[in-house]
Amino acid sequence: MTVNNGVNVVAGLMIIIGLTGAQLTGEMDITHVSWLWLVAFVGINLFQSGFTGICTAKKVLAKLGLKDSNGSCCQ
């Protein structure tokens, strides 16, 4: 695992932990459709991209014409 992959894992894990903690303490209810599902989706994708190297955002942005760089967090 590279440092960039580790960053994705840590960032995704922090998002997932934050949402789970807010759900468990009653500060929010993720059983209702809301924008929090977008946050959960981003966290899960960050987490999985750290392990698999598959970054959906990178693929979408590349198709939109953005150039890749060696310093990006997505591999």
C-alpha atoms as a PDB file:
ATOM      1  CA  MET A   1       0.000   0.000   0.000  1.00  0.00           C
ATOM      2  CA  THR A   2       1.296   3.439  -0.895  1.00  0.00           C
ATOM      3  CA  VAL A   3       0.979   6.647   1.119  1.00  0.00           C
ATOM      4  CA  ASN A   4      -1.684   7.915  -1.296  1.00  0.00           C
ATOM      5  CA  ASN A   5      -3.699   4.721  -0.838  1.00  0.00           C
ATOM      6  CA  GLY A   6      -3.312   5.068   2.923  1.00  0.00           C
ATOM      7  CA  VAL A   7      -4.686   8.614   2.725  1.00  0.00           C
ATOM      8  CA  ASN A   8      -7.770   7.300   0.928  1.00  0.00           C
ATOM      9  CA  VAL A   9      -8.275   4.567   3.515  1.00  0.00           C
ATOM     10  CA  VAL A  10      -7.932   6.965   6.456  1.00  0.00           C
ATOM     11  CA  ALA A  11     -10.181   9.627   4.879  1.00  0.00           C
ATOM     12  CA  GLY A  12     -12.854   7.100   3.980  1.00  0.00           C
ATOM     13  CA  LEU A  13     -12.694   5.508   7.409  1.00  0.00           C
ATOM     14  CA  MET A  14     -13.062   8.889   9.150  1.00  0.00           C
ATOM     15  CA  ILE A  15     -16.164   9.687   7.086  1.00  0.00           C
ATOM     16  CA  ILE A  16     -17.693   6.278   7.843  1.00  0.00           C
ATOM     17  CA  ILE A  17     -16.861   6.559  11.573  1.00  0.00           C
ATOM     18  CA  GLY A  18     -18.331  10.064  11.704  1.00  0.00           C
ATOM     19  CA  LEU A  19     -21.590   9.006  10.083  1.00  0.00           C
ATOM     20  CA  THR A  20     -21.827   5.890  12.250  1.00  0.00           C
ATOM     21  CA  GLY A  21     -21.171   7.879  15.413  1.00  0.00           C
ATOM     22  CA  ALA A  22     -23.796  10.467  14.510  1.00  0.00           C
ATOM     23  CA  GLN A  23     -26.303   7.686  13.811  1.00  0.00           C
ATOM     24  CA  LEU A  24     -25.572   5.857  17.072  1.00  0.00           C
ATOM     25  CA  THR A  25     -25.822   9.012  19.206  1.00  0.00           C
ATOM     26  CA  GLY A  26     -29.092  10.049  17.601  1.00  0.00           C
ATOM     27  CA  GLU A  27     -27.718  13.221  16.019  1.00  0.00           C
ATOM     28  CA  MET A  28     -28.955  12.074  12.618  1.00  0.00           C
ATOM     29  CA  ASP A  29     -31.050   9.330  11.071  1.00  0.00           C
ATOM     30  CA  ILE A  30     -29.515   7.692   8.002  1.00  0.00           C
ATOM     31  CA  THR A  31     -32.595   5.537   7.498  1.00  0.00           C
ATOM     32  CA  HIS A  32     -34.252   8.519   5.765  1.00  0.00           C
ATOM     33  CA  VAL A  33     -33.209   9.525   2.267  1.00  0.00           C
ATOM     34  CA  SER A  34     -30.962  12.549   2.553  1.00  0.00           C
ATOM     35  CA  TRP A  35     -27.750  14.109   1.346  1.00  0.00           C
ATOM     36  CA  LEU A  36     -25.930  12.077   3.982  1.00  0.00           C
ATOM     37  CA  TRP A  37     -26.127   9.088   1.657  1.00  0.00           C
ATOM     38  CA  LEU A  38     -23.850  11.029  -0.711  1.00  0.00           C
ATOM     39  CA  VAL A  39     -21.356  11.472   2.126  1.00  0.00           C
ATOM     40  CA  ALA A  40     -21.553   7.747   2.903  1.00  0.00           C
ATOM     41  CA  PHE A  41     -21.005   6.902  -0.775  1.00  0.00           C
ATOM     42  CA  VAL A  42     -17.906   9.107  -0.938  1.00  0.00           C
ATOM     43  CA  GLY A  43     -16.507   7.603   2.273  1.00  0.00           C
ATOM     44  CA  ILE A  44     -17.019   4.045   1.092  1.00  0.00           C
ATOM     45  CA  ASN A  45     -15.459   4.806  -2.292  1.00  0.00           C
ATOM     46  CA  LEU A  46     -12.427   6.459  -0.674  1.00  0.00           C
ATOM     47  CA  PHE A  47     -11.990   3.483   1.627  1.00  0.00           C
ATOM     48  CA  GLN A  48     -12.231   0.873  -1.133  1.00  0.00           C
ATOM     49  CA  SER A  49      -9.982   2.834  -3.516  1.00  0.00           C
ATOM     50  CA  GLY A  50      -7.215   2.713  -0.920  1.00  0.00           C
ATOM     51  CA  PHE A  51      -7.227  -1.071  -1.077  1.00  0.00           C
ATOM     52  CA  THR A  52      -8.194  -1.752  -4.694  1.00  0.00           C
ATOM     53  CA  GLY A  53      -6.666   1.236  -6.491  1.00  0.00           C
ATOM     54  CA  ILE A  54      -9.949   1.727  -8.351  1.00  0.00           C
ATOM     55  CA  CYS A  55     -10.952   5.388  -8.142  1.00  0.00           C
ATOM     56  CA  THR A  56     -14.304   6.155  -9.746  1.00  0.00           C
ATOM     57  CA  ALA A  57     -13.801   9.917  -9.500  1.00  0.00           C
ATOM     58  CA  LYS A  58     -10.480   9.643 -11.338  1.00  0.00           C
ATOM     59  CA  LYS A  59     -12.114   7.726 -14.186  1.00  0.00           C
ATOM     60  CA  VAL A  60     -14.965  10.233 -14.507  1.00  0.00           C
ATOM     61  CA  LEU A  61     -12.638  13.250 -14.427  1.00  0.00           C
ATOM     62  CA  ALA A  62     -10.308  11.631 -16.982  1.00  0.00           C
ATOM     63  CA  LYS A  63     -13.259  11.147 -19.352  1.00  0.00           C
ATOM     64  CA  LEU A  64     -14.074  14.825 -18.880  1.00  0.00           C
ATOM     65  CA  GLY A  65     -10.580  15.669 -20.162  1.00  0.00           C
ATOM     66  CA  LEU A  66      -8.628  16.388 -16.978  1.00  0.00           C
ATOM     67  CA  LYS A  67      -4.988  15.345 -17.005  1.00  0.00           C
ATOM     68  CA  ASP A  68      -3.524  12.863 -14.492  1.00  0.00           C
ATOM     69  CA  SER A  69      -0.651  13.823 -12.193  1.00  0.00           C
ATOM     70  CA  ASN A  70       1.644  11.774  -9.996  1.00  0.00           C
ATOM     71  CA  GLY A  71       0.699  13.804  -6.912  1.00  0.00           C
ATOM     72  CA  SER A  72      -3.006  12.975  -6.868  1.00  0.00           C
ATOM     73  CA  CYS A  73      -4.576  11.090  -3.978  1.00  0.00           C
ATOM     74  CA  CYS A  74      -6.386   8.687  -6.310  1.00  0.00           C
ATOM     75  CA  GLN A  75      -4.257   5.980  -7.878  1.00  0.00           C
END
